[in-house]
PDB file of N, CA and C in Angstrom:
ATOM      1  N   MET A   1      -3.381  -0.729  19.759  1.00  0.00           N
ATOM      2  CA  MET A   1      -2.239  -0.714  18.846  1.00  0.00           C
ATOM      3  C   MET A   1      -1.287   0.413  19.275  1.00  0.00           C
ATOM      4  N   ALA A   2      -0.022   0.167  19.201  1.00  0.00           N
ATOM      5  CA  ALA A   2       0.993   1.137  19.628  1.00  0.00           C
ATOM      6  C   ALA A   2       1.180   2.226  18.575  1.00  0.00           C
ATOM      7  N   GLU A   3       1.558   3.382  19.059  1.00  0.00           N
ATOM      8  CA  GLU A   3       1.844   4.521  18.175  1.00  0.00           C
ATOM      9  C   GLU A   3       3.098   4.218  17.349  1.00  0.00           C
ATOM     10  N   ILE A   4       3.033   4.502  16.057  1.00  0.00           N
ATOM     11  CA  ILE A   4       4.182   4.311  15.165  1.00  0.00           C
ATOM     12  C   ILE A   4       5.219   5.402  15.491  1.00  0.00           C
ATOM     13  N   PRO A   5       6.512   5.065  15.611  1.00  0.00           N
ATOM     14  CA  PRO A   5       7.527   6.097  15.873  1.00  0.00           C
ATOM     15  C   PRO A   5       7.576   7.138  14.747  1.00  0.00           C
ATOM     16  N   VAL A   6       7.848   8.381  15.123  1.00  0.00           N
ATOM     17  CA  VAL A   6       7.908   9.485  14.163  1.00  0.00           C
ATOM     18  C   VAL A   6       8.956   9.202  13.086  1.00  0.00           C
ATOM     19  N   ASP A   7      10.067   8.569  13.463  1.00  0.00           N
ATOM     20  CA  ASP A   7      11.112   8.240  12.484  1.00  0.00           C
ATOM     21  C   ASP A   7      10.582   7.345  11.370  1.00  0.00           C
ATOM     22  N   VAL A   8       9.735   6.389  11.723  1.00  0.00           N
ATOM     23  CA  VAL A   8       9.165   5.465  10.737  1.00  0.00           C
ATOM     24  C   VAL A   8       8.212   6.215   9.809  1.00  0.00           C
ATOM     25  N   ILE A   9       7.390   7.082  10.387  1.00  0.00           N
ATOM     26  CA  ILE A   9       6.467   7.882   9.576  1.00  0.00           C
ATOM     27  C   ILE A   9       7.253   8.782   8.629  1.00  0.00           C
ATOM     28  N   ALA A  10       8.309   9.410   9.141  1.00  0.00           N
ATOM     29  CA  ALA A  10       9.135  10.298   8.311  1.00  0.00           C
ATOM     30  C   ALA A  10       9.754   9.523   7.149  1.00  0.00           C
ATOM     31  N   GLU A  11      10.243   8.334   7.406  1.00  0.00           N
ATOM     32  CA  GLU A  11      10.853   7.524   6.344  1.00  0.00           C
ATOM     33  C   GLU A  11       9.811   7.137   5.297  1.00  0.00           C
ATOM     34  N   ASP A  12       8.610   6.752   5.744  1.00  0.00           N
ATOM     35  CA  ASP A  12       7.538   6.411   4.798  1.00  0.00           C
ATOM     36  C   ASP A  12       7.154   7.626   3.954  1.00  0.00           C
ATOM     37  N   MET A  13       7.099   8.804   4.587  1.00  0.00           N
ATOM     38  CA  MET A  13       6.784  10.029   3.846  1.00  0.00           C
ATOM     39  C   MET A  13       7.868  10.337   2.825  1.00  0.00           C
ATOM     40  N   TYR A  14       9.121  10.176   3.224  1.00  0.00           N
ATOM     41  CA  TYR A  14      10.234  10.437   2.310  1.00  0.00           C
ATOM     42  C   TYR A  14      10.142   9.522   1.087  1.00  0.00           C
ATOM     43  N   GLN A  15       9.849   8.243   1.320  1.00  0.00           N
ATOM     44  CA  GLN A  15       9.722   7.295   0.208  1.00  0.00           C
ATOM     45  C   GLN A  15       8.602   7.708  -0.745  1.00  0.00           C
ATOM     46  N   MET A  16       7.501   8.199  -0.170  1.00  0.00           N
ATOM     47  CA  MET A  16       6.364   8.626  -0.988  1.00  0.00           C
ATOM     48  C   MET A  16       6.730   9.868  -1.808  1.00  0.00           C
ATOM     49  N   VAL A  17       7.399  10.841  -1.182  1.00  0.00           N
ATOM     50  CA  VAL A  17       7.814  12.055  -1.899  1.00  0.00           C
ATOM     51  C   VAL A  17       8.784  11.684  -3.020  1.00  0.00           C
ATOM     52  N   ALA A  18       9.714  10.787  -2.735  1.00  0.00           N
ATOM     53  CA  ALA A  18      10.692  10.361  -3.745  1.00  0.00           C
ATOM     54  C   ALA A  18       9.990   9.643  -4.904  1.00  0.00           C
ATOM     55  N   GLU A  19       8.999   8.831  -4.578  1.00  0.00           N
ATOM     56  CA  GLU A  19       8.271   8.075  -5.606  1.00  0.00           C
ATOM     57  C   GLU A  19       7.512   9.015  -6.556  1.00  0.00           C
ATOM     58  N   TYR A  20       6.947  10.083  -6.014  1.00  0.00           N
ATOM     59  CA  TYR A  20       6.147  11.001  -6.823  1.00  0.00           C
ATOM     60  C   TYR A  20       6.939  12.190  -7.358  1.00  0.00           C
ATOM     61  N   ALA A  21       8.224  12.252  -7.080  1.00  0.00           N
ATOM     62  CA  ALA A  21       9.059  13.384  -7.514  1.00  0.00           C
ATOM     63  C   ALA A  21       8.963  13.556  -9.027  1.00  0.00           C
ATOM     64  N   GLY A  22       8.637  14.766  -9.469  1.00  0.00           N
ATOM     65  CA  GLY A  22       8.532  15.055 -10.887  1.00  0.00           C
ATOM     66  C   GLY A  22       7.218  14.622 -11.512  1.00  0.00           C
ATOM     67  N   LYS A  23       6.393  13.880 -10.765  1.00  0.00           N
ATOM     68  CA  LYS A  23       5.121  13.393 -11.295  1.00  0.00           C
ATOM     69  C   LYS A  23       3.942  14.132 -10.683  1.00  0.00           C
ATOM     70  N   LYS A  24       4.011  14.331  -9.366  1.00  0.00           N
ATOM     71  CA  LYS A  24       2.898  14.952  -8.654  1.00  0.00           C
ATOM     72  C   LYS A  24       3.449  15.711  -7.457  1.00  0.00           C
ATOM     73  N   ASN A  25       2.925  16.912  -7.234  1.00  0.00           N
ATOM     74  CA  ASN A  25       3.295  17.683  -6.048  1.00  0.00           C
ATOM     75  C   ASN A  25       2.413  17.245  -4.888  1.00  0.00           C
ATOM     76  N   LEU A  26       3.032  16.936  -3.766  1.00  0.00           N
ATOM     77  CA  LEU A  26       2.299  16.473  -2.587  1.00  0.00           C
ATOM     78  C   LEU A  26       2.223  17.566  -1.533  1.00  0.00           C
ATOM     79  N   LYS A  27       1.026  17.820  -1.058  1.00  0.00           N
ATOM     80  CA  LYS A  27       0.824  18.776   0.022  1.00  0.00           C
ATOM     81  C   LYS A  27       1.030  18.050   1.348  1.00  0.00           C
ATOM     82  N   PRO A  28       1.327  18.797   2.411  1.00  0.00           N
ATOM     83  CA  PRO A  28       1.454  18.154   3.729  1.00  0.00           C
ATOM     84  C   PRO A  28       0.221  17.337   4.103  1.00  0.00           C
ATOM     85  N   GLY A  29      -0.955  17.842   3.765  1.00  0.00           N
ATOM     86  CA  GLY A  29      -2.198  17.111   4.059  1.00  0.00           C
ATOM     87  C   GLY A  29      -2.294  15.794   3.300  1.00  0.00           C
ATOM     88  N   ASP A  30      -1.774  15.769   2.064  1.00  0.00           N
ATOM     89  CA  ASP A  30      -1.765  14.526   1.280  1.00  0.00           C
ATOM     90  C   ASP A  30      -0.917  13.469   1.972  1.00  0.00           C
ATOM     91  N   LEU A  31       0.250  13.893   2.459  1.00  0.00           N
ATOM     92  CA  LEU A  31       1.143  12.956   3.143  1.00  0.00           C
ATOM     93  C   LEU A  31       0.511  12.461   4.443  1.00  0.00           C
ATOM     94  N   THR A  32      -0.119  13.359   5.183  1.00  0.00           N
ATOM     95  CA  THR A  32      -0.760  12.985   6.446  1.00  0.00           C
ATOM     96  C   THR A  32      -1.863  11.967   6.199  1.00  0.00           C
ATOM     97  N   LYS A  33      -2.724  12.238   5.219  1.00  0.00           N
ATOM     98  CA  LYS A  33      -3.826  11.312   4.902  1.00  0.00           C
ATOM     99  C   LYS A  33      -3.283   9.948   4.477  1.00  0.00           C
ATOM    100  N   ALA A  34      -2.226   9.944   3.675  1.00  0.00           N
ATOM    101  CA  ALA A  34      -1.651   8.682   3.199  1.00  0.00           C
ATOM    102  C   ALA A  34      -1.067   7.864   4.355  1.00  0.00           C
ATOM    103  N   MET A  35      -0.414   8.535   5.299  1.00  0.00           N
ATOM    104  CA  MET A  35       0.183   7.823   6.439  1.00  0.00           C
ATOM    105  C   MET A  35      -0.892   7.272   7.378  1.00  0.00           C
ATOM    106  N   ILE A  36      -1.963   8.046   7.593  1.00  0.00           N
ATOM    107  CA  ILE A  36      -3.056   7.563   8.437  1.00  0.00           C
ATOM    108  C   ILE A  36      -3.742   6.376   7.755  1.00  0.00           C
ATOM    109  N   ALA A  37      -3.906   6.440   6.438  1.00  0.00           N
ATOM    110  CA  ALA A  37      -4.505   5.321   5.703  1.00  0.00           C
ATOM    111  C   ALA A  37      -3.609   4.080   5.769  1.00  0.00           C
ATOM    112  N   LYS A  38      -2.312   4.294   5.702  1.00  0.00           N
ATOM    113  CA  LYS A  38      -1.368   3.162   5.710  1.00  0.00           C
ATOM    114  C   LYS A  38      -1.260   2.508   7.083  1.00  0.00           C
ATOM    115  N   HIS A  39      -1.115   3.319   8.127  1.00  0.00           N
ATOM    116  CA  HIS A  39      -0.838   2.787   9.466  1.00  0.00           C
ATOM    117  C   HIS A  39      -2.070   2.684  10.358  1.00  0.00           C
ATOM    118  N   GLY A  40      -3.142   3.369   9.987  1.00  0.00           N
ATOM    119  CA  GLY A  40      -4.342   3.363  10.814  1.00  0.00           C
ATOM    120  C   GLY A  40      -4.376   4.565  11.741  1.00  0.00           C
ATOM    121  N   GLU A  41      -5.589   5.044  12.014  1.00  0.00           N
ATOM    122  CA  GLU A  41      -5.757   6.250  12.825  1.00  0.00           C
ATOM    123  C   GLU A  41      -5.268   6.058  14.253  1.00  0.00           C
ATOM    124  N   ALA A  42      -5.378   4.843  14.768  1.00  0.00           N
ATOM    125  CA  ALA A  42      -4.966   4.575  16.150  1.00  0.00           C
ATOM    126  C   ALA A  42      -3.450   4.626  16.308  1.00  0.00           C
ATOM    127  N   ALA A  43      -2.713   4.300  15.245  1.00  0.00           N
ATOM    128  CA  ALA A  43      -1.255   4.207  15.330  1.00  0.00           C
ATOM    129  C   ALA A  43      -0.538   5.426  14.766  1.00  0.00           C
ATOM    130  N   CYS A  44      -1.251   6.266  14.032  1.00  0.00           N
ATOM    131  CA  CYS A  44      -0.612   7.395  13.347  1.00  0.00           C
ATOM    132  C   CYS A  44      -1.490   8.627  13.492  1.00  0.00           C
ATOM    133  N   SER A  45      -1.076   9.558  14.329  1.00  0.00           N
ATOM    134  CA  SER A  45      -1.866  10.772  14.573  1.00  0.00           C
ATOM    135  C   SER A  45      -1.417  11.908  13.653  1.00  0.00           C
ATOM    136  N   LYS A  46      -2.283  12.918  13.536  1.00  0.00           N
ATOM    137  CA  LYS A  46      -1.920  14.097  12.744  1.00  0.00           C
ATOM    138  C   LYS A  46      -0.716  14.797  13.356  1.00  0.00           C
ATOM    139  N   ASP A  47      -0.653  14.832  14.684  1.00  0.00           N
ATOM    140  CA  ASP A  47       0.488  15.466  15.351  1.00  0.00           C
ATOM    141  C   ASP A  47       1.793  14.739  15.031  1.00  0.00           C
ATOM    142  N   ALA A  48       1.753  13.402  15.008  1.00  0.00           N
ATOM    143  CA  ALA A  48       2.952  12.624  14.667  1.00  0.00           C
ATOM    144  C   ALA A  48       3.372  12.915  13.226  1.00  0.00           C
ATOM    145  N   CYS A  49       2.389  13.074  12.341  1.00  0.00           N
ATOM    146  CA  CYS A  49       2.700  13.391  10.944  1.00  0.00           C
ATOM    147  C   CYS A  49       3.326  14.773  10.818  1.00  0.00           C
ATOM    148  N   LYS A  50       2.830  15.735  11.596  1.00  0.00           N
ATOM    149  CA  LYS A  50       3.425  17.077  11.585  1.00  0.00           C
ATOM    150  C   LYS A  50       4.876  17.020  12.047  1.00  0.00           C
ATOM    151  N   LEU A  51       5.128  16.239  13.090  1.00  0.00           N
ATOM    152  CA  LEU A  51       6.503  16.093  13.582  1.00  0.00           C
ATOM    153  C   LEU A  51       7.394  15.429  12.542  1.00  0.00           C
ATOM    154  N   ALA A  52       6.846  14.440  11.828  1.00  0.00           N
ATOM    155  CA  ALA A  52       7.614  13.745  10.792  1.00  0.00           C
ATOM    156  C   ALA A  52       7.971  14.698   9.651  1.00  0.00           C
ATOM    157  N   ILE A  53       7.014  15.538   9.245  1.00  0.00           N
ATOM    158  CA  ILE A  53       7.280  16.519   8.187  1.00  0.00           C
ATOM    159  C   ILE A  53       8.343  17.504   8.652  1.00  0.00           C
ATOM    160  N   ARG A  54       8.216  17.975   9.894  1.00  0.00           N
ATOM    161  CA  ARG A  54       9.219  18.902  10.436  1.00  0.00           C
ATOM    162  C   ARG A  54      10.595  18.251  10.428  1.00  0.00           C
ATOM    163  N   GLN A  55      10.661  16.982  10.821  1.00  0.00           N
ATOM    164  CA  GLN A  55      11.939  16.259  10.847  1.00  0.00           C
ATOM    165  C   GLN A  55      12.547  16.183   9.442  1.00  0.00           C
ATOM    166  N   LEU A  56      11.722  15.894   8.439  1.00  0.00           N
ATOM    167  CA  LEU A  56      12.223  15.809   7.059  1.00  0.00           C
ATOM    168  C   LEU A  56      12.756  17.152   6.571  1.00  0.00           C
ATOM    169  N   VAL A  57      12.052  18.229   6.881  1.00  0.00           N
ATOM    170  CA  VAL A  57      12.463  19.553   6.416  1.00  0.00           C
ATOM    171  C   VAL A  57      13.705  20.027   7.172  1.00  0.00           C
ATOM    172  N   GLU A  58      13.727  19.838   8.485  1.00  0.00           N
ATOM    173  CA  GLU A  58      14.878  20.287   9.279  1.00  0.00           C
ATOM    174  C   GLU A  58      16.146  19.507   8.948  1.00  0.00           C
ATOM    175  N   SER A  59      16.001  18.245   8.544  1.00  0.00           N
ATOM    176  CA  SER A  59      17.167  17.444   8.177  1.00  0.00           C
ATOM    177  C   SER A  59      17.575  17.675   6.717  1.00  0.00           C
ATOM    178  N   SER A  60      16.828  18.526   6.011  1.00  0.00           N
ATOM    179  CA  SER A  60      17.077  18.854   4.591  1.00  0.00           C
ATOM    180  C   SER A  60      16.854  17.678   3.651  1.00  0.00           C
ATOM    181  N   ARG A  61      16.148  16.662   4.104  1.00  0.00           N
ATOM    182  CA  ARG A  61      15.804  15.556   3.197  1.00  0.00           C
ATOM    183  C   ARG A  61      14.686  15.975   2.254  1.00  0.00           C
ATOM    184  N   CYS A  62      13.834  16.898   2.715  1.00  0.00           N
ATOM    185  CA  CYS A  62      12.758  17.456   1.905  1.00  0.00           C
ATOM    186  C   CYS A  62      12.727  18.962   2.123  1.00  0.00           C
ATOM    187  N   VAL A  63      12.076  19.656   1.196  1.00  0.00           N
ATOM    188  CA  VAL A  63      11.931  21.108   1.315  1.00  0.00           C
ATOM    189  C   VAL A  63      10.485  21.491   1.020  1.00  0.00           C
ATOM    190  N   TYR A  64      10.090  22.628   1.587  1.00  0.00           N
ATOM    191  CA  TYR A  64       8.806  23.218   1.224  1.00  0.00           C
ATOM    192  C   TYR A  64       9.000  23.993  -0.059  1.00  0.00           C
ATOM    193  N   SER A  65       8.048  23.913  -0.963  1.00  0.00           N
ATOM    194  CA  SER A  65       8.057  24.768  -2.146  1.00  0.00           C
ATOM    195  C   SER A  65       6.679  25.410  -2.233  1.00  0.00           C
ATOM    196  N   TYR A  66       6.642  26.577  -2.803  1.00  0.00           N
ATOM    197  CA  TYR A  66       5.399  27.327  -2.898  1.00  0.00           C
ATOM    198  C   TYR A  66       5.069  27.562  -4.359  1.00  0.00           C
ATOM    199  N   LEU A  67       4.138  26.797  -4.878  1.00  0.00           N
ATOM    200  CA  LEU A  67       3.733  26.895  -6.280  1.00  0.00           C
ATOM    201  C   LEU A  67       2.216  27.106  -6.300  1.00  0.00           C
ATOM    202  N   GLY A  68       1.779  28.238  -5.760  1.00  0.00           N
ATOM    203  CA  GLY A  68       0.344  28.465  -5.643  1.00  0.00           C
ATOM    204  C   GLY A  68      -0.230  27.751  -4.438  1.00  0.00           C
ATOM    205  N   GLY A  69       0.614  27.130  -3.651  1.00  0.00           N
ATOM    206  CA  GLY A  69       0.257  26.390  -2.445  1.00  0.00           C
ATOM    207  C   GLY A  69       1.522  25.773  -1.879  1.00  0.00           C
ATOM    208  N   SER A  70       1.447  25.262  -0.680  1.00  0.00           N
ATOM    209  CA  SER A  70       2.625  24.649  -0.044  1.00  0.00           C
ATOM    210  C   SER A  70       2.730  23.189  -0.448  1.00  0.00           C
ATOM    211  N   TYR A  71       3.889  22.807  -0.908  1.00  0.00           N
ATOM    212  CA  TYR A  71       4.149  21.420  -1.292  1.00  0.00           C
ATOM    213  C   TYR A  71       5.443  20.952  -0.641  1.00  0.00           C
ATOM    214  N   ILE A  72       5.533  19.645  -0.448  1.00  0.00           N
ATOM    215  CA  ILE A  72       6.760  19.042   0.079  1.00  0.00           C
ATOM    216  C   ILE A  72       7.436  18.325  -1.091  1.00  0.00           C
ATOM    217  N   GLN A  73       8.691  18.655  -1.328  1.00  0.00           N
ATOM    218  CA  GLN A  73       9.428  18.065  -2.446  1.00  0.00           C
ATOM    219  C   GLN A  73      10.829  17.683  -1.991  1.00  0.00           C
ATOM    220  N   LEU A  74      11.508  16.920  -2.843  1.00  0.00           N
ATOM    221  CA  LEU A  74      12.919  16.645  -2.618  1.00  0.00           C
ATOM    222  C   LEU A  74      13.694  17.913  -2.901  1.00  0.00           C
ATOM    223  N   PRO A  75      14.802  18.139  -2.194  1.00  0.00           N
ATOM    224  CA  PRO A  75      15.590  19.348  -2.476  1.00  0.00           C
ATOM    225  C   PRO A  75      16.172  19.286  -3.879  1.00  0.00           C
ATOM    226  N   PRO A  76      16.389  20.455  -4.503  1.00  0.00           N
ATOM    227  CA  PRO A  76      16.976  20.450  -5.851  1.00  0.00           C
ATOM    228  C   PRO A  76      18.386  19.877  -5.841  1.00  0.00           C
ATOM    229  N   LYS A  77      18.744  19.209  -6.911  1.00  0.00           N
ATOM    230  CA  LYS A  77      20.085  18.631  -7.030  1.00  0.00           C
ATOM    231  C   LYS A  77      21.104  19.756  -7.203  1.00  0.00           C
ATOM    232  N   GLU A  78      22.321  19.529  -6.727  1.00  0.00           N
ATOM    233  CA  GLU A  78      23.398  20.506  -6.879  1.00  0.00           C
ATOM    234  C   GLU A  78      23.661  20.730  -8.371  1.00  0.00           C
ATOM    235  N   GLY A  79      23.726  21.992  -8.770  1.00  0.00           N
ATOM    236  CA  GLY A  79      24.027  22.305 -10.161  1.00  0.00           C
ATOM    237  C   GLY A  79      22.833  22.250 -11.089  1.00  0.00           C
ATOM    238  N   ALA A  80      21.685  21.808 -10.582  1.00  0.00           N
ATOM    239  CA  ALA A  80      20.489  21.732 -11.411  1.00  0.00           C
ATOM    240  C   ALA A  80      19.882  23.120 -11.537  1.00  0.00           C
ATOM    241  N   PRO A  81      19.291  23.436 -12.664  1.00  0.00           N
ATOM    242  CA  PRO A  81      18.669  24.761 -12.817  1.00  0.00           C
ATOM    243  C   PRO A  81      17.459  24.883 -11.895  1.00  0.00           C
ATOM    244  N   GLU A  82      17.265  26.088 -11.376  1.00  0.00           N
ATOM    245  CA  GLU A  82      16.110  26.341 -10.516  1.00  0.00           C
ATOM    246  C   GLU A  82      14.840  26.280 -11.334  1.00  0.00           C
ATOM    247  N   ALA A  83      13.787  25.704 -10.778  1.00  0.00           N
ATOM    248  CA  ALA A  83      12.515  25.588 -11.504  1.00  0.00           C
ATOM    249  C   ALA A  83      11.732  26.876 -11.418  1.00  0.00           C
TER     250      ALA A  83
END
């Protein structure tokens, strides 16, 4: 089976973060496990997931937050109060 492109993994991760926004905080490991479960270990490596997370954060589609641990979340909306 061919390796899934990092862009596809990043988009799937973004959809998952958006779906759980305000409901559950997702750790990078949670996203990695979910992507490997979805695409299969042969097609989705931990390294590809790390690159996808980096791509999401560097493009400002997601941000790291530290609430007693590292979590990946959607960036705060403009004008919204800081949590």
